[in-house]
Amino acid sequence: WDGYDYETGSYIEIDKGNLVREGEEIEYYDYDSGEYLNGEVQNIQSSGSGAEVEVYDYDSGEYRTFEMD
């Protein structure tokens, strides 16, 4: 599932096998850092043809919002 983090300007990819639901932990690939990162889904909302996913990033300790296709 491809997406974009407008705050950091980074493309994101959430691989199959991740359950993207509130309270679930996910692993995602951040193309900007070139690393797989882990976080907890805080909120998910449909937006247009995709979804907006808010994630608490365990590595940075910050919240990130992804616009997913």
N, C-alpha and C. Protein backbone atom coordinates (compact mmCIF):
# COMPACT_ATOMS: atom_id res chain seq x y z
N TRP A 1 0.86 -1.16 0.00
CA TRP A 1 0.00 0.00 0.00
C TRP A 1 0.91 1.22 0.00
N ASP A 2 0.81 2.04 -1.02
CA ASP A 2 1.69 3.19 -1.18
C ASP A 2 1.07 4.45 -0.62
N GLY A 3 1.92 5.30 -0.05
CA GLY A 3 1.43 6.55 0.50
C GLY A 3 2.52 7.59 0.56
N TYR A 4 2.17 8.73 1.15
CA TYR A 4 3.08 9.87 1.21
C TYR A 4 2.89 10.60 2.52
N ASP A 5 4.00 10.98 3.14
CA ASP A 5 3.98 11.77 4.37
C ASP A 5 4.33 13.21 3.98
N TYR A 6 3.32 14.08 3.92
CA TYR A 6 3.54 15.45 3.47
C TYR A 6 4.40 16.25 4.44
N GLU A 7 4.38 15.89 5.72
CA GLU A 7 5.16 16.63 6.71
C GLU A 7 6.66 16.42 6.52
N THR A 8 7.06 15.17 6.22
CA THR A 8 8.49 14.88 6.03
C THR A 8 8.88 14.84 4.56
N GLY A 9 7.87 14.82 3.66
CA GLY A 9 8.16 14.75 2.23
C GLY A 9 8.67 13.39 1.80
N SER A 10 8.24 12.34 2.48
CA SER A 10 8.75 11.00 2.22
C SER A 10 7.65 10.07 1.72
N TYR A 11 8.02 9.25 0.74
CA TYR A 11 7.11 8.20 0.29
C TYR A 11 7.16 7.04 1.28
N ILE A 12 6.00 6.41 1.48
CA ILE A 12 5.83 5.34 2.46
C ILE A 12 5.24 4.13 1.76
N GLU A 13 5.65 2.95 2.20
CA GLU A 13 5.01 1.74 1.70
C GLU A 13 4.70 0.82 2.88
N ILE A 14 3.43 0.40 2.97
CA ILE A 14 3.02 -0.56 3.99
C ILE A 14 2.83 -1.89 3.29
N ASP A 15 3.65 -2.88 3.65
CA ASP A 15 3.63 -4.18 2.99
C ASP A 15 2.39 -4.98 3.35
N LYS A 16 2.07 -5.94 2.50
CA LYS A 16 1.00 -6.88 2.79
C LYS A 16 1.34 -7.62 4.08
N GLY A 17 0.33 -8.04 4.80
CA GLY A 17 0.56 -8.74 6.06
C GLY A 17 0.43 -7.84 7.27
N ASN A 18 0.38 -6.52 7.03
CA ASN A 18 0.17 -5.57 8.12
C ASN A 18 -1.32 -5.27 8.22
N LEU A 19 -1.88 -5.42 9.41
CA LEU A 19 -3.28 -5.11 9.64
C LEU A 19 -3.36 -3.63 10.02
N VAL A 20 -3.84 -2.80 9.09
CA VAL A 20 -3.88 -1.36 9.32
C VAL A 20 -5.23 -1.01 9.96
N ARG A 21 -5.26 -1.12 11.28
CA ARG A 21 -6.45 -0.82 12.08
C ARG A 21 -5.98 -0.09 13.34
N GLU A 22 -6.85 0.72 13.91
CA GLU A 22 -6.50 1.45 15.13
C GLU A 22 -6.02 0.48 16.21
N GLY A 23 -4.90 0.83 16.85
CA GLY A 23 -4.35 0.02 17.94
C GLY A 23 -3.42 -1.09 17.50
N GLU A 24 -3.32 -1.34 16.18
CA GLU A 24 -2.45 -2.40 15.67
C GLU A 24 -1.05 -1.85 15.38
N GLU A 25 -0.05 -2.69 15.58
CA GLU A 25 1.32 -2.33 15.22
C GLU A 25 1.54 -2.67 13.75
N ILE A 26 2.23 -1.77 13.05
CA ILE A 26 2.56 -2.03 11.66
C ILE A 26 4.05 -1.77 11.42
N GLU A 27 4.55 -2.37 10.37
CA GLU A 27 5.90 -2.09 9.89
C GLU A 27 5.73 -1.42 8.54
N TYR A 28 6.46 -0.34 8.32
CA TYR A 28 6.37 0.36 7.04
C TYR A 28 7.76 0.76 6.58
N TYR A 29 7.88 0.93 5.26
CA TYR A 29 9.15 1.32 4.67
C TYR A 29 9.10 2.81 4.36
N ASP A 30 10.09 3.53 4.85
CA ASP A 30 10.22 4.97 4.62
C ASP A 30 11.32 5.16 3.58
N TYR A 31 10.93 5.57 2.38
CA TYR A 31 11.91 5.72 1.29
C TYR A 31 12.93 6.81 1.57
N ASP A 32 12.57 7.82 2.37
CA ASP A 32 13.49 8.91 2.69
C ASP A 32 14.67 8.40 3.52
N SER A 33 14.37 7.59 4.53
CA SER A 33 15.44 7.07 5.40
C SER A 33 16.01 5.76 4.87
N GLY A 34 15.26 5.09 3.97
CA GLY A 34 15.72 3.81 3.44
C GLY A 34 15.63 2.70 4.46
N GLU A 35 14.72 2.85 5.43
CA GLU A 35 14.60 1.86 6.51
C GLU A 35 13.17 1.42 6.72
N TYR A 36 13.04 0.21 7.26
CA TYR A 36 11.74 -0.24 7.76
C TYR A 36 11.59 0.30 9.16
N LEU A 37 10.43 0.89 9.44
CA LEU A 37 10.14 1.47 10.75
C LEU A 37 8.88 0.83 11.31
N ASN A 38 8.73 0.94 12.62
CA ASN A 38 7.58 0.34 13.31
C ASN A 38 6.79 1.42 14.02
N GLY A 39 5.48 1.20 14.06
CA GLY A 39 4.63 2.15 14.77
C GLY A 39 3.27 1.54 15.07
N GLU A 40 2.48 2.32 15.77
CA GLU A 40 1.12 1.89 16.13
C GLU A 40 0.12 2.81 15.44
N VAL A 41 -0.87 2.21 14.80
CA VAL A 41 -1.91 2.98 14.12
C VAL A 41 -2.78 3.65 15.17
N GLN A 42 -2.86 4.99 15.10
CA GLN A 42 -3.66 5.77 16.04
C GLN A 42 -5.04 6.06 15.48
N ASN A 43 -5.10 6.29 14.17
CA ASN A 43 -6.36 6.70 13.55
C ASN A 43 -6.29 6.40 12.06
N ILE A 44 -7.43 6.04 11.49
CA ILE A 44 -7.51 5.83 10.05
C ILE A 44 -8.85 6.38 9.57
N GLN A 45 -8.78 7.18 8.50
CA GLN A 45 -9.99 7.79 7.95
C GLN A 45 -9.94 7.71 6.44
N SER A 46 -11.07 7.38 5.84
CA SER A 46 -11.16 7.38 4.39
C SER A 46 -11.06 8.81 3.89
N SER A 47 -10.35 8.98 2.77
CA SER A 47 -10.25 10.31 2.17
C SER A 47 -10.17 10.14 0.66
N GLY A 48 -11.24 10.53 -0.03
CA GLY A 48 -11.25 10.40 -1.48
C GLY A 48 -11.15 8.94 -1.88
N SER A 49 -10.14 8.62 -2.69
CA SER A 49 -9.97 7.24 -3.16
C SER A 49 -9.04 6.43 -2.25
N GLY A 50 -8.53 7.05 -1.19
CA GLY A 50 -7.59 6.35 -0.31
C GLY A 50 -7.95 6.52 1.15
N ALA A 51 -6.91 6.68 1.97
CA ALA A 51 -7.14 6.84 3.40
C ALA A 51 -6.02 7.66 4.00
N GLU A 52 -6.34 8.31 5.12
CA GLU A 52 -5.35 9.04 5.91
C GLU A 52 -5.09 8.20 7.15
N VAL A 53 -3.83 7.84 7.35
CA VAL A 53 -3.46 6.96 8.46
C VAL A 53 -2.50 7.71 9.39
N GLU A 54 -2.90 7.84 10.67
CA GLU A 54 -2.03 8.46 11.66
C GLU A 54 -1.32 7.36 12.43
N VAL A 55 0.00 7.45 12.50
CA VAL A 55 0.83 6.41 13.12
C VAL A 55 1.73 7.04 14.18
N TYR A 56 1.83 6.37 15.33
CA TYR A 56 2.84 6.77 16.33
C TYR A 56 4.09 5.98 16.01
N ASP A 57 5.14 6.69 15.61
CA ASP A 57 6.40 6.06 15.21
C ASP A 57 7.24 5.75 16.45
N TYR A 58 7.49 4.47 16.69
CA TYR A 58 8.26 4.06 17.87
C TYR A 58 9.70 4.58 17.83
N ASP A 59 10.28 4.64 16.64
CA ASP A 59 11.70 5.01 16.53
C ASP A 59 11.93 6.50 16.83
N SER A 60 11.06 7.36 16.31
CA SER A 60 11.24 8.80 16.51
C SER A 60 10.47 9.32 17.72
N GLY A 61 9.45 8.55 18.17
CA GLY A 61 8.62 9.01 19.26
C GLY A 61 7.65 10.10 18.84
N GLU A 62 7.42 10.21 17.52
CA GLU A 62 6.55 11.25 16.99
C GLU A 62 5.37 10.64 16.25
N TYR A 63 4.34 11.45 16.08
CA TYR A 63 3.18 11.04 15.29
C TYR A 63 3.40 11.44 13.84
N ARG A 64 3.01 10.54 12.93
CA ARG A 64 3.12 10.81 11.51
C ARG A 64 1.78 10.54 10.84
N THR A 65 1.48 11.30 9.81
CA THR A 65 0.24 11.12 9.07
C THR A 65 0.57 10.77 7.62
N PHE A 66 0.05 9.65 7.16
CA PHE A 66 0.31 9.18 5.81
C PHE A 66 -0.96 9.31 4.98
N GLU A 67 -0.83 9.85 3.79
CA GLU A 67 -1.92 9.89 2.80
C GLU A 67 -1.71 8.66 1.92
N MET A 68 -2.57 7.67 2.09
CA MET A 68 -2.42 6.39 1.38
C MET A 68 -3.31 6.35 0.14
N ASP A 69 -2.77 5.76 -0.92
CA ASP A 69 -3.54 5.61 -2.19
C ASP A 69 -4.59 4.54 -2.09
